[in-house]
Amino acid sequence: PGRTVAFLGSSGVGKSTLTNALLGAQAIAT
């Protein structure tokens, strides 16, 4: 809690999928 993390990498490696997993919802299209 209170920390800020970032996903960096090429397209298609799963950054948005990882973000959705942490959010517990399909908030970002993949």
PDB file of all heavy atoms in Angstrom:
ATOM      1  N   PRO A   1       0.825  -1.217   0.000  1.00  0.00           N
ATOM      2  CA  PRO A   1       0.000   0.000   0.000  1.00  0.00           C
ATOM      3  C   PRO A   1       0.856   1.263   0.000  1.00  0.00           C
ATOM      4  O   PRO A   1       1.865   1.343   0.707  1.00  0.00           O
ATOM      5  CB  PRO A   1      -0.793  -0.124   1.309  1.00  0.00           C
ATOM      6  CG  PRO A   1      -0.857  -1.598   1.568  1.00  0.00           C
ATOM      7  CD  PRO A   1       0.456  -2.135   1.090  1.00  0.00           C
ATOM      8  N   GLY A   2       0.468   2.236  -0.820  1.00  0.00           N
ATOM      9  CA  GLY A   2       1.183   3.496  -0.899  1.00  0.00           C
ATOM     10  C   GLY A   2       2.354   3.501  -1.858  1.00  0.00           C
ATOM     11  O   GLY A   2       2.941   4.548  -2.120  1.00  0.00           O
ATOM     12  N   ARG A   3       2.720   2.332  -2.395  1.00  0.00           N
ATOM     13  CA  ARG A   3       3.831   2.253  -3.343  1.00  0.00           C
ATOM     14  C   ARG A   3       3.314   2.372  -4.770  1.00  0.00           C
ATOM     15  O   ARG A   3       2.146   2.097  -5.055  1.00  0.00           O
ATOM     16  CB  ARG A   3       4.609   0.943  -3.176  1.00  0.00           C
ATOM     17  CG  ARG A   3       5.387   0.879  -1.872  1.00  0.00           C
ATOM     18  CD  ARG A   3       6.117  -0.438  -1.717  1.00  0.00           C
ATOM     19  NE  ARG A   3       7.110  -0.665  -2.768  1.00  0.00           N
ATOM     20  CZ  ARG A   3       8.350  -0.188  -2.749  1.00  0.00           C
ATOM     21  NH1 ARG A   3       8.748   0.565  -1.741  1.00  0.00           N
ATOM     22  NH2 ARG A   3       9.196  -0.453  -3.724  1.00  0.00           N
ATOM     23  N   THR A   4       4.203   2.789  -5.661  1.00  0.00           N
ATOM     24  CA  THR A   4       3.870   2.923  -7.079  1.00  0.00           C
ATOM     25  C   THR A   4       4.812   2.048  -7.887  1.00  0.00           C
ATOM     26  O   THR A   4       6.036   2.164  -7.762  1.00  0.00           O
ATOM     27  CB  THR A   4       4.002   4.383  -7.540  1.00  0.00           C
ATOM     28  OG1 THR A   4       3.172   5.220  -6.729  1.00  0.00           O
ATOM     29  CG2 THR A   4       3.552   4.518  -8.992  1.00  0.00           C
ATOM     30  N   VAL A   5       4.258   1.171  -8.700  1.00  0.00           N
ATOM     31  CA  VAL A   5       5.057   0.271  -9.524  1.00  0.00           C
ATOM     32  C   VAL A   5       4.714   0.503 -10.988  1.00  0.00           C
ATOM     33  O   VAL A   5       3.642   1.030 -11.308  1.00  0.00           O
ATOM     34  CB  VAL A   5       4.829  -1.206  -9.145  1.00  0.00           C
ATOM     35  CG1 VAL A   5       5.163  -1.444  -7.669  1.00  0.00           C
ATOM     36  CG2 VAL A   5       3.394  -1.636  -9.434  1.00  0.00           C
ATOM     37  N   ALA A   6       5.627   0.114 -11.858  1.00  0.00           N
ATOM     38  CA  ALA A   6       5.403   0.300 -13.296  1.00  0.00           C
ATOM     39  C   ALA A   6       5.822  -0.947 -14.056  1.00  0.00           C
ATOM     40  O   ALA A   6       6.790  -1.621 -13.683  1.00  0.00           O
ATOM     41  CB  ALA A   6       6.194   1.506 -13.805  1.00  0.00           C
ATOM     42  N   PHE A   7       5.091  -1.244 -15.112  1.00  0.00           N
ATOM     43  CA  PHE A   7       5.454  -2.322 -16.021  1.00  0.00           C
ATOM     44  C   PHE A   7       6.049  -1.701 -17.279  1.00  0.00           C
ATOM     45  O   PHE A   7       5.408  -0.881 -17.937  1.00  0.00           O
ATOM     46  CB  PHE A   7       4.229  -3.173 -16.390  1.00  0.00           C
ATOM     47  CG  PHE A   7       3.696  -3.998 -15.254  1.00  0.00           C
ATOM     48  CD1 PHE A   7       2.458  -3.718 -14.691  1.00  0.00           C
ATOM     49  CD2 PHE A   7       4.426  -5.052 -14.740  1.00  0.00           C
ATOM     50  CE1 PHE A   7       1.966  -4.474 -13.642  1.00  0.00           C
ATOM     51  CE2 PHE A   7       3.946  -5.808 -13.680  1.00  0.00           C
ATOM     52  CZ  PHE A   7       2.714  -5.519 -13.137  1.00  0.00           C
ATOM     53  N   LEU A   8       7.285  -2.085 -17.613  1.00  0.00           N
ATOM     54  CA  LEU A   8       7.941  -1.611 -18.822  1.00  0.00           C
ATOM     55  C   LEU A   8       8.342  -2.805 -19.674  1.00  0.00           C
ATOM     56  O   LEU A   8       8.738  -3.848 -19.147  1.00  0.00           O
ATOM     57  CB  LEU A   8       9.195  -0.790 -18.490  1.00  0.00           C
ATOM     58  CG  LEU A   8       9.018   0.523 -17.732  1.00  0.00           C
ATOM     59  CD1 LEU A   8      10.380   1.175 -17.518  1.00  0.00           C
ATOM     60  CD2 LEU A   8       8.085   1.470 -18.461  1.00  0.00           C
ATOM     61  N   GLY A   9       8.272  -2.641 -20.989  1.00  0.00           N
ATOM     62  CA  GLY A   9       8.653  -3.726 -21.879  1.00  0.00           C
ATOM     63  C   GLY A   9       8.059  -3.526 -23.256  1.00  0.00           C
ATOM     64  O   GLY A   9       7.343  -2.553 -23.512  1.00  0.00           O
ATOM     65  N   SER A  10       8.333  -4.459 -24.141  1.00  0.00           N
ATOM     66  CA  SER A  10       7.831  -4.382 -25.505  1.00  0.00           C
ATOM     67  C   SER A  10       6.329  -4.635 -25.551  1.00  0.00           C
ATOM     68  O   SER A  10       5.727  -5.104 -24.582  1.00  0.00           O
ATOM     69  CB  SER A  10       8.548  -5.413 -26.377  1.00  0.00           C
ATOM     70  OG  SER A  10       9.943  -5.262 -26.307  1.00  0.00           O
ATOM     71  N   SER A  11       5.730  -4.343 -26.694  1.00  0.00           N
ATOM     72  CA  SER A  11       4.316  -4.640 -26.886  1.00  0.00           C
ATOM     73  C   SER A  11       4.098  -6.149 -26.923  1.00  0.00           C
ATOM     74  O   SER A  11       4.920  -6.895 -27.455  1.00  0.00           O
ATOM     75  CB  SER A  11       3.821  -4.020 -28.198  1.00  0.00           C
ATOM     76  OG  SER A  11       3.938  -2.625 -28.175  1.00  0.00           O
ATOM     77  N   GLY A  12       3.013  -6.591 -26.318  1.00  0.00           N
ATOM     78  CA  GLY A  12       2.637  -7.992 -26.411  1.00  0.00           C
ATOM     79  C   GLY A  12       3.266  -8.909 -25.388  1.00  0.00           C
ATOM     80  O   GLY A  12       3.042 -10.117 -25.426  1.00  0.00           O
ATOM     81  N   VAL A  13       4.059  -8.365 -24.435  1.00  0.00           N
ATOM     82  CA  VAL A  13       4.712  -9.235 -23.451  1.00  0.00           C
ATOM     83  C   VAL A  13       3.829  -9.486 -22.229  1.00  0.00           C
ATOM     84  O   VAL A  13       4.188 -10.287 -21.361  1.00  0.00           O
ATOM     85  CB  VAL A  13       6.076  -8.659 -22.996  1.00  0.00           C
ATOM     86  CG1 VAL A  13       7.042  -8.612 -24.154  1.00  0.00           C
ATOM     87  CG2 VAL A  13       5.901  -7.287 -22.361  1.00  0.00           C
ATOM     88  N   GLY A  14       2.692  -8.783 -22.153  1.00  0.00           N
ATOM     89  CA  GLY A  14       1.761  -9.046 -21.061  1.00  0.00           C
ATOM     90  C   GLY A  14       1.658  -7.956 -20.016  1.00  0.00           C
ATOM     91  O   GLY A  14       1.156  -8.205 -18.918  1.00  0.00           O
ATOM     92  N   LYS A  15       2.111  -6.742 -20.327  1.00  0.00           N
ATOM     93  CA  LYS A  15       2.057  -5.656 -19.340  1.00  0.00           C
ATOM     94  C   LYS A  15       0.619  -5.335 -18.936  1.00  0.00           C
ATOM     95  O   LYS A  15       0.314  -5.202 -17.742  1.00  0.00           O
ATOM     96  CB  LYS A  15       2.739  -4.397 -19.895  1.00  0.00           C
ATOM     97  CG  LYS A  15       4.207  -4.580 -20.250  1.00  0.00           C
ATOM     98  CD  LYS A  15       4.870  -3.277 -20.620  1.00  0.00           C
ATOM     99  CE  LYS A  15       4.194  -2.549 -21.756  1.00  0.00           C
ATOM    100  NZ  LYS A  15       4.218  -3.328 -23.014  1.00  0.00           N
ATOM    101  N   SER A  16      -0.252  -5.205 -19.901  1.00  0.00           N
ATOM    102  CA  SER A  16      -1.654  -4.897 -19.597  1.00  0.00           C
ATOM    103  C   SER A  16      -2.332  -6.067 -18.889  1.00  0.00           C
ATOM    104  O   SER A  16      -3.161  -5.872 -18.002  1.00  0.00           O
ATOM    105  CB  SER A  16      -2.407  -4.541 -20.879  1.00  0.00           C
ATOM    106  OG  SER A  16      -1.896  -3.342 -21.443  1.00  0.00           O
ATOM    107  N   THR A  17      -1.985  -7.281 -19.285  1.00  0.00           N
ATOM    108  CA  THR A  17      -2.542  -8.462 -18.623  1.00  0.00           C
ATOM    109  C   THR A  17      -2.102  -8.514 -17.164  1.00  0.00           C
ATOM    110  O   THR A  17      -2.898  -8.838 -16.269  1.00  0.00           O
ATOM    111  CB  THR A  17      -2.092  -9.747 -19.350  1.00  0.00           C
ATOM    112  OG1 THR A  17      -2.494  -9.672 -20.724  1.00  0.00           O
ATOM    113  CG2 THR A  17      -2.715 -10.974 -18.719  1.00  0.00           C
ATOM    114  N   LEU A  18      -0.844  -8.173 -16.903  1.00  0.00           N
ATOM    115  CA  LEU A  18      -0.349  -8.126 -15.527  1.00  0.00           C
ATOM    116  C   LEU A  18      -1.060  -7.043 -14.722  1.00  0.00           C
ATOM    117  O   LEU A  18      -1.420  -7.252 -13.561  1.00  0.00           O
ATOM    118  CB  LEU A  18       1.160  -7.860 -15.527  1.00  0.00           C
ATOM    119  CG  LEU A  18       2.058  -9.034 -15.910  1.00  0.00           C
ATOM    120  CD1 LEU A  18       3.475  -8.549 -16.209  1.00  0.00           C
ATOM    121  CD2 LEU A  18       2.085 -10.081 -14.800  1.00  0.00           C
ATOM    122  N   THR A  19      -1.259  -5.896 -15.346  1.00  0.00           N
ATOM    123  CA  THR A  19      -1.971  -4.815 -14.668  1.00  0.00           C
ATOM    124  C   THR A  19      -3.382  -5.251 -14.300  1.00  0.00           C
ATOM    125  O   THR A  19      -3.855  -5.026 -13.175  1.00  0.00           O
ATOM    126  CB  THR A  19      -2.025  -3.561 -15.557  1.00  0.00           C
ATOM    127  OG1 THR A  19      -0.690  -3.143 -15.876  1.00  0.00           O
ATOM    128  CG2 THR A  19      -2.740  -2.417 -14.853  1.00  0.00           C
ATOM    129  N   ASN A  20      -4.068  -5.881 -15.242  1.00  0.00           N
ATOM    130  CA  ASN A  20      -5.417  -6.393 -14.960  1.00  0.00           C
ATOM    131  C   ASN A  20      -5.405  -7.402 -13.824  1.00  0.00           C
ATOM    132  O   ASN A  20      -6.317  -7.418 -12.985  1.00  0.00           O
ATOM    133  CB  ASN A  20      -6.001  -7.028 -16.219  1.00  0.00           C
ATOM    134  CG  ASN A  20      -6.467  -6.003 -17.239  1.00  0.00           C
ATOM    135  OD1 ASN A  20      -6.798  -4.877 -16.885  1.00  0.00           O
ATOM    136  ND2 ASN A  20      -6.495  -6.386 -18.505  1.00  0.00           N
ATOM    137  N   ALA A  21      -4.371  -8.234 -13.785  1.00  0.00           N
ATOM    138  CA  ALA A  21      -4.281  -9.236 -12.723  1.00  0.00           C
ATOM    139  C   ALA A  21      -4.142  -8.576 -11.360  1.00  0.00           C
ATOM    140  O   ALA A  21      -4.750  -9.017 -10.376  1.00  0.00           O
ATOM    141  CB  ALA A  21      -3.098 -10.172 -12.985  1.00  0.00           C
ATOM    142  N   LEU A  22      -3.353  -7.502 -11.277  1.00  0.00           N
ATOM    143  CA  LEU A  22      -3.192  -6.794 -10.004  1.00  0.00           C
ATOM    144  C   LEU A  22      -4.464  -6.030  -9.634  1.00  0.00           C
ATOM    145  O   LEU A  22      -4.780  -5.879  -8.449  1.00  0.00           O
ATOM    146  CB  LEU A  22      -2.012  -5.828 -10.077  1.00  0.00           C
ATOM    147  CG  LEU A  22      -0.615  -6.440 -10.229  1.00  0.00           C
ATOM    148  CD1 LEU A  22       0.453  -5.356 -10.171  1.00  0.00           C
ATOM    149  CD2 LEU A  22      -0.348  -7.494  -9.164  1.00  0.00           C
ATOM    150  N   LEU A  23      -5.187  -5.551 -10.653  1.00  0.00           N
ATOM    151  CA  LEU A  23      -6.420  -4.813 -10.390  1.00  0.00           C
ATOM    152  C   LEU A  23      -7.579  -5.741 -10.054  1.00  0.00           C
ATOM    153  O   LEU A  23      -8.579  -5.303  -9.469  1.00  0.00           O
ATOM    154  CB  LEU A  23      -6.799  -3.958 -11.607  1.00  0.00           C
ATOM    155  CG  LEU A  23      -5.818  -2.848 -11.996  1.00  0.00           C
ATOM    156  CD1 LEU A  23      -6.288  -2.155 -13.267  1.00  0.00           C
ATOM    157  CD2 LEU A  23      -5.679  -1.846 -10.864  1.00  0.00           C
ATOM    158  N   GLY A  24      -7.445  -7.012 -10.436  1.00  0.00           N
ATOM    159  CA  GLY A  24      -8.530  -7.954 -10.201  1.00  0.00           C
ATOM    160  C   GLY A  24      -9.709  -7.732 -11.119  1.00  0.00           C
ATOM    161  O   GLY A  24     -10.833  -8.113 -10.813  1.00  0.00           O
ATOM    162  N   ALA A  25      -9.457  -7.104 -12.274  1.00  0.00           N
ATOM    163  CA  ALA A  25     -10.527  -6.816 -13.223  1.00  0.00           C
ATOM    164  C   ALA A  25      -9.924  -6.600 -14.599  1.00  0.00           C
ATOM    165  O   ALA A  25      -8.747  -6.259 -14.732  1.00  0.00           O
ATOM    166  CB  ALA A  25     -11.316  -5.577 -12.791  1.00  0.00           C
ATOM    167  N   GLN A  26     -10.737  -6.763 -15.626  1.00  0.00           N
ATOM    168  CA  GLN A  26     -10.293  -6.527 -16.996  1.00  0.00           C
ATOM    169  C   GLN A  26     -10.470  -5.045 -17.329  1.00  0.00           C
ATOM    170  O   GLN A  26     -11.256  -4.659 -18.187  1.00  0.00           O
ATOM    171  CB  GLN A  26     -11.083  -7.411 -17.971  1.00  0.00           C
ATOM    172  CG  GLN A  26     -10.820  -8.889 -17.820  1.00  0.00           C
ATOM    173  CD  GLN A  26      -9.378  -9.244 -18.125  1.00  0.00           C
ATOM    174  OE1 GLN A  26      -8.825  -8.831 -19.138  1.00  0.00           O
ATOM    175  NE2 GLN A  26      -8.753 -10.015 -17.236  1.00  0.00           N
ATOM    176  N   ALA A  27      -9.710  -4.220 -16.642  1.00  0.00           N
ATOM    177  CA  ALA A  27      -9.843  -2.773 -16.810  1.00  0.00           C
ATOM    178  C   ALA A  27      -9.170  -2.272 -18.080  1.00  0.00           C
ATOM    179  O   ALA A  27      -9.498  -1.211 -18.594  1.00  0.00           O
ATOM    180  CB  ALA A  27      -9.259  -2.059 -15.591  1.00  0.00           C
ATOM    181  N   ILE A  28      -8.182  -3.031 -18.582  1.00  0.00           N
ATOM    182  CA  ILE A  28      -7.409  -2.599 -19.747  1.00  0.00           C
ATOM    183  C   ILE A  28      -7.550  -3.643 -20.844  1.00  0.00           C
ATOM    184  O   ILE A  28      -7.415  -4.848 -20.597  1.00  0.00           O
ATOM    185  CB  ILE A  28      -5.929  -2.422 -19.382  1.00  0.00           C
ATOM    186  CG1 ILE A  28      -5.795  -1.418 -18.221  1.00  0.00           C
ATOM    187  CG2 ILE A  28      -5.122  -1.952 -20.580  1.00  0.00           C
ATOM    188  CD1 ILE A  28      -4.395  -1.326 -17.686  1.00  0.00           C
ATOM    189  N   ALA A  29      -7.810  -3.197 -22.062  1.00  0.00           N
ATOM    190  CA  ALA A  29      -7.948  -4.119 -23.188  1.00  0.00           C
ATOM    191  C   ALA A  29      -6.608  -4.771 -23.486  1.00  0.00           C
ATOM    192  O   ALA A  29      -5.546  -4.172 -23.328  1.00  0.00           O
ATOM    193  CB  ALA A  29      -8.446  -3.370 -24.420  1.00  0.00           C
ATOM    194  N   THR A  30      -6.648  -6.023 -23.915  1.00  0.00           N
ATOM    195  CA  THR A  30      -5.430  -6.748 -24.274  1.00  0.00           C
ATOM    196  C   THR A  30      -5.604  -7.379 -25.644  1.00  0.00           C
ATOM    197  O   THR A  30      -6.727  -7.589 -26.123  1.00  0.00           O
ATOM    198  CB  THR A  30      -5.115  -7.861 -23.263  1.00  0.00           C
ATOM    199  OG1 THR A  30      -6.212  -8.793 -23.225  1.00  0.00           O
ATOM    200  CG2 THR A  30      -4.903  -7.277 -21.875  1.00  0.00           C
TER     201      THR A  30
END
